């Protein structure tokens, strides 16, 4: 069974990685969870606003937003997740390449 590394425990802290102008520490593994959480909250909040606004206009629009909204939320969330996973995989590949390079 392989263990999944905790990005917050890898390397330097958030502010150290953020202000590392030599780019030896990556901030992406630390930020990816936070960005995904923000995206999830923003999508759900937007859907709820669309439902409320839809019902204030008329019942049909509100029902359409209530029924179709979760489908769009899941699609957008999947796209955001895939994008964040791509970014994280590129950073992890870079970290792995740097570890394998001969040290001068």
PDB file of N, CA and C in Angstrom:
ATOM      1  N   UNK A   1       0.850  -1.174   0.000  1.00  0.00           N
ATOM      2  CA  UNK A   1       0.000   0.000   0.000  1.00  0.00           C
ATOM      3  C   UNK A   1       0.895   1.236   0.000  1.00  0.00           C
ATOM      4  N   UNK A   2       0.711   2.108  -0.955  1.00  0.00           N
ATOM      5  CA  UNK A   2       1.553   3.296  -1.030  1.00  0.00           C
ATOM      6  C   UNK A   2       0.926   4.432  -0.249  1.00  0.00           C
ATOM      7  N   UNK A   3       1.779   5.198   0.353  1.00  0.00           N
ATOM      8  CA  UNK A   3       1.271   6.342   1.108  1.00  0.00           C
ATOM      9  C   UNK A   3       1.306   7.567   0.218  1.00  0.00           C
ATOM     10  N   UNK A   4       0.303   8.390   0.344  1.00  0.00           N
ATOM     11  CA  UNK A   4       0.207   9.619  -0.425  1.00  0.00           C
ATOM     12  C   UNK A   4       0.884  10.718   0.379  1.00  0.00           C
ATOM     13  N   UNK A   5       1.862  11.413  -0.224  1.00  0.00           N
ATOM     14  CA  UNK A   5       2.560  12.456   0.535  1.00  0.00           C
ATOM     15  C   UNK A   5       1.655  13.639   0.806  1.00  0.00           C
ATOM     16  N   UNK A   6       1.828  14.213   1.960  1.00  0.00           N
ATOM     17  CA  UNK A   6       1.057  15.396   2.347  1.00  0.00           C
ATOM     18  C   UNK A   6       1.764  16.631   1.812  1.00  0.00           C
ATOM     19  N   UNK A   7       1.122  17.382   0.874  1.00  0.00           N
ATOM     20  CA  UNK A   7       1.804  18.521   0.281  1.00  0.00           C
ATOM     21  C   UNK A   7       2.164  19.607   1.281  1.00  0.00           C
ATOM     22  N   UNK A   8       1.414  19.711   2.369  1.00  0.00           N
ATOM     23  CA  UNK A   8       1.725  20.758   3.344  1.00  0.00           C
ATOM     24  C   UNK A   8       2.961  20.426   4.167  1.00  0.00           C
ATOM     25  N   UNK A   9       3.329  19.144   4.229  1.00  0.00           N
ATOM     26  CA  UNK A   9       4.502  18.776   5.007  1.00  0.00           C
ATOM     27  C   UNK A   9       5.756  18.691   4.146  1.00  0.00           C
ATOM     28  N   UNK A  10       5.611  18.806   2.833  1.00  0.00           N
ATOM     29  CA  UNK A  10       6.754  18.723   1.939  1.00  0.00           C
ATOM     30  C   UNK A  10       7.433  20.075   1.824  1.00  0.00           C
ATOM     31  N   UNK A  11       8.743  20.064   1.839  1.00  0.00           N
ATOM     32  CA  UNK A  11       9.511  21.271   1.572  1.00  0.00           C
ATOM     33  C   UNK A  11       9.277  22.362   2.600  1.00  0.00           C
ATOM     34  N   UNK A  12       9.319  23.584   2.097  1.00  0.00           N
ATOM     35  CA  UNK A  12       9.215  24.756   2.957  1.00  0.00           C
ATOM     36  C   UNK A  12       7.758  25.106   3.236  1.00  0.00           C
ATOM     37  N   UNK A  13       7.563  26.058   4.123  1.00  0.00           N
ATOM     38  CA  UNK A  13       6.234  26.532   4.438  1.00  0.00           C
ATOM     39  C   UNK A  13       5.667  27.393   3.326  1.00  0.00           C
ATOM     40  N   UNK A  14       4.425  27.794   3.496  1.00  0.00           N
ATOM     41  CA  UNK A  14       3.728  28.547   2.458  1.00  0.00           C
ATOM     42  C   UNK A  14       4.434  29.864   2.134  1.00  0.00           C
ATOM     43  N   UNK A  15       4.708  30.681   3.140  1.00  0.00           N
ATOM     44  CA  UNK A  15       5.304  31.988   2.882  1.00  0.00           C
ATOM     45  C   UNK A  15       6.754  31.872   2.406  1.00  0.00           C
ATOM     46  N   UNK A  16       7.462  30.860   2.888  1.00  0.00           N
ATOM     47  CA  UNK A  16       8.817  30.629   2.405  1.00  0.00           C
ATOM     48  C   UNK A  16       8.797  30.272   0.926  1.00  0.00           C
ATOM     49  N   UNK A  17       7.867  29.393   0.539  1.00  0.00           N
ATOM     50  CA  UNK A  17       7.755  29.003  -0.873  1.00  0.00           C
ATOM     51  C   UNK A  17       7.240  30.154  -1.725  1.00  0.00           C
ATOM     52  N   UNK A  18       6.329  30.951  -1.169  1.00  0.00           N
ATOM     53  CA  UNK A  18       5.747  32.054  -1.928  1.00  0.00           C
ATOM     54  C   UNK A  18       6.772  33.125  -2.255  1.00  0.00           C
ATOM     55  N   UNK A  19       7.661  33.412  -1.322  1.00  0.00           N
ATOM     56  CA  UNK A  19       8.656  34.468  -1.520  1.00  0.00           C
ATOM     57  C   UNK A  19      10.048  33.917  -1.844  1.00  0.00           C
ATOM     58  N   UNK A  20      10.099  32.706  -2.377  1.00  0.00           N
ATOM     59  CA  UNK A  20      11.353  32.112  -2.806  1.00  0.00           C
ATOM     60  C   UNK A  20      11.615  32.528  -4.254  1.00  0.00           C
ATOM     61  N   UNK A  21      12.418  33.558  -4.435  1.00  0.00           N
ATOM     62  CA  UNK A  21      12.652  34.108  -5.767  1.00  0.00           C
ATOM     63  C   UNK A  21      13.598  33.253  -6.610  1.00  0.00           C
ATOM     64  N   UNK A  22      14.213  32.245  -6.016  1.00  0.00           N
ATOM     65  CA  UNK A  22      15.035  31.320  -6.790  1.00  0.00           C
ATOM     66  C   UNK A  22      14.212  30.137  -7.296  1.00  0.00           C
ATOM     67  N   UNK A  23      12.964  30.031  -6.864  1.00  0.00           N
ATOM     68  CA  UNK A  23      12.030  28.983  -7.276  1.00  0.00           C
ATOM     69  C   UNK A  23      12.567  27.582  -6.992  1.00  0.00           C
ATOM     70  N   UNK A  24      13.180  27.400  -5.831  1.00  0.00           N
ATOM     71  CA  UNK A  24      13.604  26.070  -5.427  1.00  0.00           C
ATOM     72  C   UNK A  24      12.503  25.351  -4.653  1.00  0.00           C
ATOM     73  N   UNK A  25      11.574  26.096  -4.068  1.00  0.00           N
ATOM     74  CA  UNK A  25      10.417  25.519  -3.373  1.00  0.00           C
ATOM     75  C   UNK A  25       9.160  25.883  -4.154  1.00  0.00           C
ATOM     76  N   UNK A  26       8.273  24.906  -4.291  1.00  0.00           N
ATOM     77  CA  UNK A  26       7.049  25.118  -5.058  1.00  0.00           C
ATOM     78  C   UNK A  26       5.880  25.407  -4.132  1.00  0.00           C
ATOM     79  N   UNK A  27       5.038  26.351  -4.534  1.00  0.00           N
ATOM     80  CA  UNK A  27       3.870  26.725  -3.743  1.00  0.00           C
ATOM     81  C   UNK A  27       2.619  25.978  -4.223  1.00  0.00           C
ATOM     82  N   UNK A  28       2.666  25.402  -5.416  1.00  0.00           N
ATOM     83  CA  UNK A  28       1.501  24.731  -5.991  1.00  0.00           C
ATOM     84  C   UNK A  28       0.959  23.597  -5.121  1.00  0.00           C
ATOM     85  N   UNK A  29       1.813  22.699  -4.590  1.00  0.00           N
ATOM     86  CA  UNK A  29       1.249  21.621  -3.755  1.00  0.00           C
ATOM     87  C   UNK A  29       0.524  22.132  -2.511  1.00  0.00           C
ATOM     88  N   UNK A  30       0.924  23.287  -2.035  1.00  0.00           N
ATOM     89  CA  UNK A  30       0.283  23.850  -0.846  1.00  0.00           C
ATOM     90  C   UNK A  30      -1.036  24.518  -1.220  1.00  0.00           C
ATOM     91  N   UNK A  31      -1.053  25.205  -2.360  1.00  0.00           N
ATOM     92  CA  UNK A  31      -2.231  25.984  -2.752  1.00  0.00           C
ATOM     93  C   UNK A  31      -3.344  25.179  -3.403  1.00  0.00           C
ATOM     94  N   UNK A  32      -3.033  24.014  -3.958  1.00  0.00           N
ATOM     95  CA  UNK A  32      -4.013  23.303  -4.773  1.00  0.00           C
ATOM     96  C   UNK A  32      -5.259  22.910  -3.967  1.00  0.00           C
ATOM     97  N   UNK A  33      -5.104  22.510  -2.748  1.00  0.00           N
ATOM     98  CA  UNK A  33      -6.270  22.148  -1.913  1.00  0.00           C
ATOM     99  C   UNK A  33      -7.143  23.368  -1.619  1.00  0.00           C
ATOM    100  N   UNK A  34      -6.484  24.474  -1.314  1.00  0.00           N
ATOM    101  CA  UNK A  34      -7.212  25.702  -1.002  1.00  0.00           C
ATOM    102  C   UNK A  34      -7.973  26.218  -2.226  1.00  0.00           C
ATOM    103  N   UNK A  35      -7.341  26.189  -3.385  1.00  0.00           N
ATOM    104  CA  UNK A  35      -7.987  26.653  -4.614  1.00  0.00           C
ATOM    105  C   UNK A  35      -9.184  25.764  -4.955  1.00  0.00           C
ATOM    106  N   UNK A  36      -9.040  24.458  -4.767  1.00  0.00           N
ATOM    107  CA  UNK A  36     -10.152  23.541  -5.041  1.00  0.00           C
ATOM    108  C   UNK A  36     -11.313  23.787  -4.081  1.00  0.00           C
ATOM    109  N   UNK A  37     -11.002  24.033  -2.822  1.00  0.00           N
ATOM    110  CA  UNK A  37     -12.047  24.350  -1.849  1.00  0.00           C
ATOM    111  C   UNK A  37     -12.763  25.647  -2.220  1.00  0.00           C
ATOM    112  N   UNK A  38     -11.989  26.672  -2.585  1.00  0.00           N
ATOM    113  CA  UNK A  38     -12.603  27.943  -3.004  1.00  0.00           C
ATOM    114  C   UNK A  38     -13.472  27.774  -4.236  1.00  0.00           C
ATOM    115  N   UNK A  39     -13.003  26.993  -5.197  1.00  0.00           N
ATOM    116  CA  UNK A  39     -13.780  26.759  -6.418  1.00  0.00           C
ATOM    117  C   UNK A  39     -15.081  26.037  -6.099  1.00  0.00           C
ATOM    118  N   UNK A  40     -15.031  25.051  -5.213  1.00  0.00           N
ATOM    119  CA  UNK A  40     -16.240  24.317  -4.831  1.00  0.00           C
ATOM    120  C   UNK A  40     -17.247  25.239  -4.156  1.00  0.00           C
ATOM    121  N   UNK A  41     -16.782  26.041  -3.209  1.00  0.00           N
ATOM    122  CA  UNK A  41     -17.665  26.977  -2.504  1.00  0.00           C
ATOM    123  C   UNK A  41     -18.249  27.998  -3.483  1.00  0.00           C
ATOM    124  N   UNK A  42     -17.423  28.518  -4.382  1.00  0.00           N
ATOM    125  CA  UNK A  42     -17.901  29.518  -5.346  1.00  0.00           C
ATOM    126  C   UNK A  42     -18.938  28.928  -6.294  1.00  0.00           C
ATOM    127  N   UNK A  43     -18.724  27.704  -6.757  1.00  0.00           N
ATOM    128  CA  UNK A  43     -19.692  27.081  -7.667  1.00  0.00           C
ATOM    129  C   UNK A  43     -21.025  26.795  -6.971  1.00  0.00           C
ATOM    130  N   UNK A  44     -20.969  26.295  -5.761  1.00  0.00           N
ATOM    131  CA  UNK A  44     -22.214  26.007  -5.023  1.00  0.00           C
ATOM    132  C   UNK A  44     -22.947  27.307  -4.694  1.00  0.00           C
ATOM    133  N   UNK A  45     -22.215  28.333  -4.287  1.00  0.00           N
ATOM    134  CA  UNK A  45     -22.840  29.627  -3.995  1.00  0.00           C
ATOM    135  C   UNK A  45     -23.468  30.217  -5.250  1.00  0.00           C
ATOM    136  N   UNK A  46     -22.777  30.103  -6.384  1.00  0.00           N
ATOM    137  CA  UNK A  46     -23.339  30.607  -7.642  1.00  0.00           C
ATOM    138  C   UNK A  46     -24.610  29.860  -8.016  1.00  0.00           C
ATOM    139  N   UNK A  47     -24.596  28.548  -7.835  1.00  0.00           N
ATOM    140  CA  UNK A  47     -25.787  27.758  -8.144  1.00  0.00           C
ATOM    141  C   UNK A  47     -26.962  28.183  -7.256  1.00  0.00           C
ATOM    142  N   UNK A  48     -26.706  28.368  -5.969  1.00  0.00           N
ATOM    143  CA  UNK A  48     -27.779  28.796  -5.068  1.00  0.00           C
ATOM    144  C   UNK A  48     -28.319  30.171  -5.460  1.00  0.00           C
ATOM    145  N   UNK A  49     -27.445  31.070  -5.866  1.00  0.00           N
ATOM    146  CA  UNK A  49     -27.890  32.398  -6.306  1.00  0.00           C
ATOM    147  C   UNK A  49     -28.744  32.277  -7.560  1.00  0.00           C
ATOM    148  N   UNK A  50     -28.305  31.426  -8.511  1.00  0.00           N
ATOM    149  CA  UNK A  50     -29.105  31.221  -9.724  1.00  0.00           C
ATOM    150  C   UNK A  50     -30.482  30.652  -9.397  1.00  0.00           C
ATOM    151  N   UNK A  51     -30.546  29.735  -8.442  1.00  0.00           N
ATOM    152  CA  UNK A  51     -31.842  29.159  -8.051  1.00  0.00           C
ATOM    153  C   UNK A  51     -32.734  30.231  -7.445  1.00  0.00           C
ATOM    154  N   UNK A  52     -32.195  31.033  -6.546  1.00  0.00           N
ATOM    155  CA  UNK A  52     -32.989  32.083  -5.895  1.00  0.00           C
ATOM    156  C   UNK A  52     -33.464  33.112  -6.910  1.00  0.00           C
ATOM    157  N   UNK A  53     -32.550  33.562  -7.770  1.00  0.00           N
ATOM    158  CA  UNK A  53     -32.926  34.543  -8.794  1.00  0.00           C
ATOM    159  C   UNK A  53     -33.932  33.930  -9.769  1.00  0.00           C
ATOM    160  N   UNK A  54     -33.742  32.667 -10.101  1.00  0.00           N
ATOM    161  CA  UNK A  54     -34.672  31.991 -11.009  1.00  0.00           C
ATOM    162  C   UNK A  54     -36.077  31.919 -10.443  1.00  0.00           C
ATOM    163  N   UNK A  55     -36.202  31.583  -9.157  1.00  0.00           N
ATOM    164  CA  UNK A  55     -37.531  31.515  -8.546  1.00  0.00           C
ATOM    165  C   UNK A  55     -38.153  32.895  -8.382  1.00  0.00           C
ATOM    166  N   UNK A  56     -37.332  33.943  -8.250  1.00  0.00           N
ATOM    167  CA  UNK A  56     -37.912  35.288  -8.158  1.00  0.00           C
ATOM    168  C   UNK A  56     -38.456  35.747  -9.509  1.00  0.00           C
ATOM    169  N   UNK A  57     -37.880  35.243 -10.603  1.00  0.00           N
ATOM    170  CA  UNK A  57     -38.382  35.604 -11.927  1.00  0.00           C
ATOM    171  C   UNK A  57     -39.656  34.831 -12.248  1.00  0.00           C
ATOM    172  N   UNK A  58     -39.576  33.503 -12.219  1.00  0.00           N
ATOM    173  CA  UNK A  58     -40.766  32.659 -12.346  1.00  0.00           C
ATOM    174  C   UNK A  58     -40.419  31.234 -11.928  1.00  0.00           C
ATOM    175  N   UNK A  59     -41.430  30.423 -11.737  1.00  0.00           N
ATOM    176  CA  UNK A  59     -41.238  29.080 -11.212  1.00  0.00           C
ATOM    177  C   UNK A  59     -40.481  28.196 -12.202  1.00  0.00           C
ATOM    178  N   UNK A  60     -40.746  28.342 -13.483  1.00  0.00           N
ATOM    179  CA  UNK A  60     -40.080  27.515 -14.492  1.00  0.00           C
ATOM    180  C   UNK A  60     -38.578  27.740 -14.526  1.00  0.00           C
ATOM    181  N   UNK A  61     -38.181  28.990 -14.470  1.00  0.00           N
ATOM    182  CA  UNK A  61     -36.753  29.307 -14.460  1.00  0.00           C
ATOM    183  C   UNK A  61     -36.098  28.785 -13.183  1.00  0.00           C
ATOM    184  N   UNK A  62     -36.778  28.921 -12.075  1.00  0.00           N
ATOM    185  CA  UNK A  62     -36.252  28.425 -10.803  1.00  0.00           C
ATOM    186  C   UNK A  62     -36.098  26.914 -10.802  1.00  0.00           C
ATOM    187  N   UNK A  63     -37.099  26.208 -11.335  1.00  0.00           N
ATOM    188  CA  UNK A  63     -37.010  24.749 -11.412  1.00  0.00           C
ATOM    189  C   UNK A  63     -35.899  24.307 -12.359  1.00  0.00           C
ATOM    190  N   UNK A  64     -35.739  25.021 -13.469  1.00  0.00           N
ATOM    191  CA  UNK A  64     -34.671  24.686 -14.413  1.00  0.00           C
ATOM    192  C   UNK A  64     -33.305  24.866 -13.740  1.00  0.00           C
ATOM    193  N   UNK A  65     -33.142  25.956 -13.009  1.00  0.00           N
ATOM    194  CA  UNK A  65     -31.876  26.190 -12.298  1.00  0.00           C
ATOM    195  C   UNK A  65     -31.670  25.151 -11.203  1.00  0.00           C
ATOM    196  N   UNK A  66     -32.748  24.762 -10.541  1.00  0.00           N
ATOM    197  CA  UNK A  66     -32.663  23.779  -9.468  1.00  0.00           C
ATOM    198  C   UNK A  66     -32.290  22.398  -9.996  1.00  0.00           C
ATOM    199  N   UNK A  67     -32.824  22.041 -11.164  1.00  0.00           N
ATOM    200  CA  UNK A  67     -32.586  20.703 -11.715  1.00  0.00           C
ATOM    201  C   UNK A  67     -31.291  20.643 -12.528  1.00  0.00           C
ATOM    202  N   UNK A  68     -31.062  21.631 -13.393  1.00  0.00           N
ATOM    203  CA  UNK A  68     -29.897  21.604 -14.278  1.00  0.00           C
ATOM    204  C   UNK A  68     -28.631  22.136 -13.613  1.00  0.00           C
ATOM    205  N   UNK A  69     -28.776  22.941 -12.589  1.00  0.00           N
ATOM    206  CA  UNK A  69     -27.629  23.543 -11.922  1.00  0.00           C
ATOM    207  C   UNK A  69     -26.603  22.557 -11.415  1.00  0.00           C
ATOM    208  N   UNK A  70     -27.019  21.515 -10.680  1.00  0.00           N
ATOM    209  CA  UNK A  70     -26.026  20.554 -10.176  1.00  0.00           C
ATOM    210  C   UNK A  70     -25.225  19.868 -11.286  1.00  0.00           C
ATOM    211  N   UNK A  71     -25.843  19.672 -12.439  1.00  0.00           N
ATOM    212  CA  UNK A  71     -25.122  19.053 -13.560  1.00  0.00           C
ATOM    213  C   UNK A  71     -23.974  19.959 -13.993  1.00  0.00           C
ATOM    214  N   UNK A  72     -24.264  21.259 -14.145  1.00  0.00           N
ATOM    215  CA  UNK A  72     -23.228  22.201 -14.540  1.00  0.00           C
ATOM    216  C   UNK A  72     -22.174  22.371 -13.455  1.00  0.00           C
ATOM    217  N   UNK A  73     -22.593  22.349 -12.200  1.00  0.00           N
ATOM    218  CA  UNK A  73     -21.638  22.458 -11.088  1.00  0.00           C
ATOM    219  C   UNK A  73     -20.662  21.284 -11.123  1.00  0.00           C
ATOM    220  N   UNK A  74     -21.172  20.080 -11.329  1.00  0.00           N
ATOM    221  CA  UNK A  74     -20.319  18.893 -11.361  1.00  0.00           C
ATOM    222  C   UNK A  74     -19.368  18.936 -12.563  1.00  0.00           C
ATOM    223  N   UNK A  75     -19.870  19.377 -13.720  1.00  0.00           N
ATOM    224  CA  UNK A  75     -19.010  19.471 -14.909  1.00  0.00           C
ATOM    225  C   UNK A  75     -17.891  20.482 -14.681  1.00  0.00           C
ATOM    226  N   UNK A  76     -18.247  21.680 -14.212  1.00  0.00           N
ATOM    227  CA  UNK A  76     -17.222  22.699 -13.960  1.00  0.00           C
ATOM    228  C   UNK A  76     -16.248  22.260 -12.875  1.00  0.00           C
ATOM    229  N   UNK A  77     -16.751  21.602 -11.840  1.00  0.00           N
ATOM    230  CA  UNK A  77     -15.884  21.126 -10.771  1.00  0.00           C
ATOM    231  C   UNK A  77     -14.912  20.058 -11.294  1.00  0.00           C
ATOM    232  N   UNK A  78     -15.383  19.195 -12.178  1.00  0.00           N
ATOM    233  CA  UNK A  78     -14.508  18.177 -12.768  1.00  0.00           C
ATOM    234  C   UNK A  78     -13.414  18.823 -13.616  1.00  0.00           C
ATOM    235  N   UNK A  79     -13.761  19.850 -14.386  1.00  0.00           N
ATOM    236  CA  UNK A  79     -12.765  20.539 -15.206  1.00  0.00           C
ATOM    237  C   UNK A  79     -11.738  21.240 -14.322  1.00  0.00           C
ATOM    238  N   UNK A  80     -12.208  21.892 -13.268  1.00  0.00           N
ATOM    239  CA  UNK A  80     -11.286  22.559 -12.338  1.00  0.00           C
ATOM    240  C   UNK A  80     -10.384  21.533 -11.673  1.00  0.00           C
ATOM    241  N   UNK A  81     -10.939  20.412 -11.270  1.00  0.00           N
ATOM    242  CA  UNK A  81     -10.152  19.358 -10.619  1.00  0.00           C
ATOM    243  C   UNK A  81      -9.083  18.813 -11.563  1.00  0.00           C
ATOM    244  N   UNK A  82      -9.459  18.541 -12.813  1.00  0.00           N
ATOM    245  CA  UNK A  82      -8.490  18.024 -13.776  1.00  0.00           C
ATOM    246  C   UNK A  82      -7.375  19.034 -14.041  1.00  0.00           C
ATOM    247  N   UNK A  83      -7.730  20.308 -14.113  1.00  0.00           N
ATOM    248  CA  UNK A  83      -6.728  21.345 -14.335  1.00  0.00           C
ATOM    249  C   UNK A  83      -5.762  21.425 -13.164  1.00  0.00           C
ATOM    250  N   UNK A  84      -6.290  21.408 -11.943  1.00  0.00           N
ATOM    251  CA  UNK A  84      -5.436  21.463 -10.759  1.00  0.00           C
ATOM    252  C   UNK A  84      -4.553  20.223 -10.655  1.00  0.00           C
ATOM    253  N   UNK A  85      -5.093  19.046 -11.000  1.00  0.00           N
ATOM    254  CA  UNK A  85      -4.297  17.826 -10.977  1.00  0.00           C
ATOM    255  C   UNK A  85      -3.178  17.886 -12.015  1.00  0.00           C
ATOM    256  N   UNK A  86      -3.458  18.488 -13.174  1.00  0.00           N
ATOM    257  CA  UNK A  86      -2.424  18.658 -14.194  1.00  0.00           C
ATOM    258  C   UNK A  86      -1.300  19.541 -13.673  1.00  0.00           C
ATOM    259  N   UNK A  87      -1.665  20.683 -13.087  1.00  0.00           N
ATOM    260  CA  UNK A  87      -0.652  21.585 -12.534  1.00  0.00           C
ATOM    261  C   UNK A  87       0.180  20.880 -11.464  1.00  0.00           C
ATOM    262  N   UNK A  88      -0.484  20.149 -10.593  1.00  0.00           N
ATOM    263  CA  UNK A  88       0.212  19.459  -9.511  1.00  0.00           C
ATOM    264  C   UNK A  88       1.126  18.367 -10.060  1.00  0.00           C
ATOM    265  N   UNK A  89       0.678  17.659 -11.083  1.00  0.00           N
ATOM    266  CA  UNK A  89       1.525  16.604 -11.650  1.00  0.00           C
ATOM    267  C   UNK A  89       2.761  17.190 -12.321  1.00  0.00           C
ATOM    268  N   UNK A  90       2.634  18.344 -12.963  1.00  0.00           N
ATOM    269  CA  UNK A  90       3.791  18.992 -13.581  1.00  0.00           C
ATOM    270  C   UNK A  90       4.794  19.400 -12.494  1.00  0.00           C
ATOM    271  N   UNK A  91       4.303  19.939 -11.401  1.00  0.00           N
ATOM    272  CA  UNK A  91       5.194  20.337 -10.302  1.00  0.00           C
ATOM    273  C   UNK A  91       5.865  19.107  -9.693  1.00  0.00           C
ATOM    274  N   UNK A  92       5.122  18.046  -9.507  1.00  0.00           N
ATOM    275  CA  UNK A  92       5.722  16.827  -8.928  1.00  0.00           C
ATOM    276  C   UNK A  92       6.752  16.208  -9.870  1.00  0.00           C
ATOM    277  N   UNK A  93       6.477  16.251 -11.177  1.00  0.00           N
ATOM    278  CA  UNK A  93       7.480  15.758 -12.130  1.00  0.00           C
ATOM    279  C   UNK A  93       8.747  16.610 -12.048  1.00  0.00           C
ATOM    280  N   UNK A  94       8.574  17.904 -11.940  1.00  0.00           N
ATOM    281  CA  UNK A  94       9.721  18.803 -11.832  1.00  0.00           C
ATOM    282  C   UNK A  94      10.518  18.517 -10.565  1.00  0.00           C
ATOM    283  N   UNK A  95       9.813  18.302  -9.456  1.00  0.00           N
ATOM    284  CA  UNK A  95      10.500  17.974  -8.208  1.00  0.00           C
ATOM    285  C   UNK A  95      11.275  16.667  -8.348  1.00  0.00           C
ATOM    286  N   UNK A  96      10.672  15.674  -9.001  1.00  0.00           N
ATOM    287  CA  UNK A  96      11.318  14.383  -9.180  1.00  0.00           C
ATOM    288  C   UNK A  96      12.539  14.509 -10.076  1.00  0.00           C
ATOM    289  N   UNK A  97      12.438  15.292 -11.135  1.00  0.00           N
ATOM    290  CA  UNK A  97      13.581  15.500 -12.032  1.00  0.00           C
ATOM    291  C   UNK A  97      14.718  16.178 -11.284  1.00  0.00           C
ATOM    292  N   UNK A  98      14.391  17.176 -10.469  1.00  0.00           N
ATOM    293  CA  UNK A  98      15.423  17.886  -9.708  1.00  0.00           C
ATOM    294  C   UNK A  98      16.112  16.965  -8.701  1.00  0.00           C
ATOM    295  N   UNK A  99      15.360  16.027  -8.137  1.00  0.00           N
ATOM    296  CA  UNK A  99      15.953  15.080  -7.180  1.00  0.00           C
ATOM    297  C   UNK A  99      16.887  14.106  -7.882  1.00  0.00           C
ATOM    298  N   UNK A 100      16.588  13.763  -9.130  1.00  0.00           N
ATOM    299  CA  UNK A 100      17.381  12.775  -9.868  1.00  0.00           C
ATOM    300  C   UNK A 100      18.610  13.375 -10.543  1.00  0.00           C
ATOM    301  N   UNK A 101      18.633  14.694 -10.700  1.00  0.00           N
ATOM    302  CA  UNK A 101      19.781  15.326 -11.340  1.00  0.00           C
ATOM    303  C   UNK A 101      21.009  15.191 -10.464  1.00  0.00           C
ATOM    304  N   UNK A 102      22.169  15.035 -11.088  1.00  0.00           N
ATOM    305  CA  UNK A 102      23.388  14.984 -10.278  1.00  0.00           C
ATOM    306  C   UNK A 102      23.630  16.320  -9.588  1.00  0.00           C
ATOM    307  N   UNK A 103      23.959  16.247  -8.326  1.00  0.00           N
ATOM    308  CA  UNK A 103      24.203  17.451  -7.539  1.00  0.00           C
ATOM    309  C   UNK A 103      25.627  17.935  -7.783  1.00  0.00           C
ATOM    310  N   UNK A 104      25.767  19.224  -8.072  1.00  0.00           N
ATOM    311  CA  UNK A 104      27.102  19.774  -8.379  1.00  0.00           C
ATOM    312  C   UNK A 104      27.826  20.199  -7.124  1.00  0.00           C
TER     313      UNK A 104
END
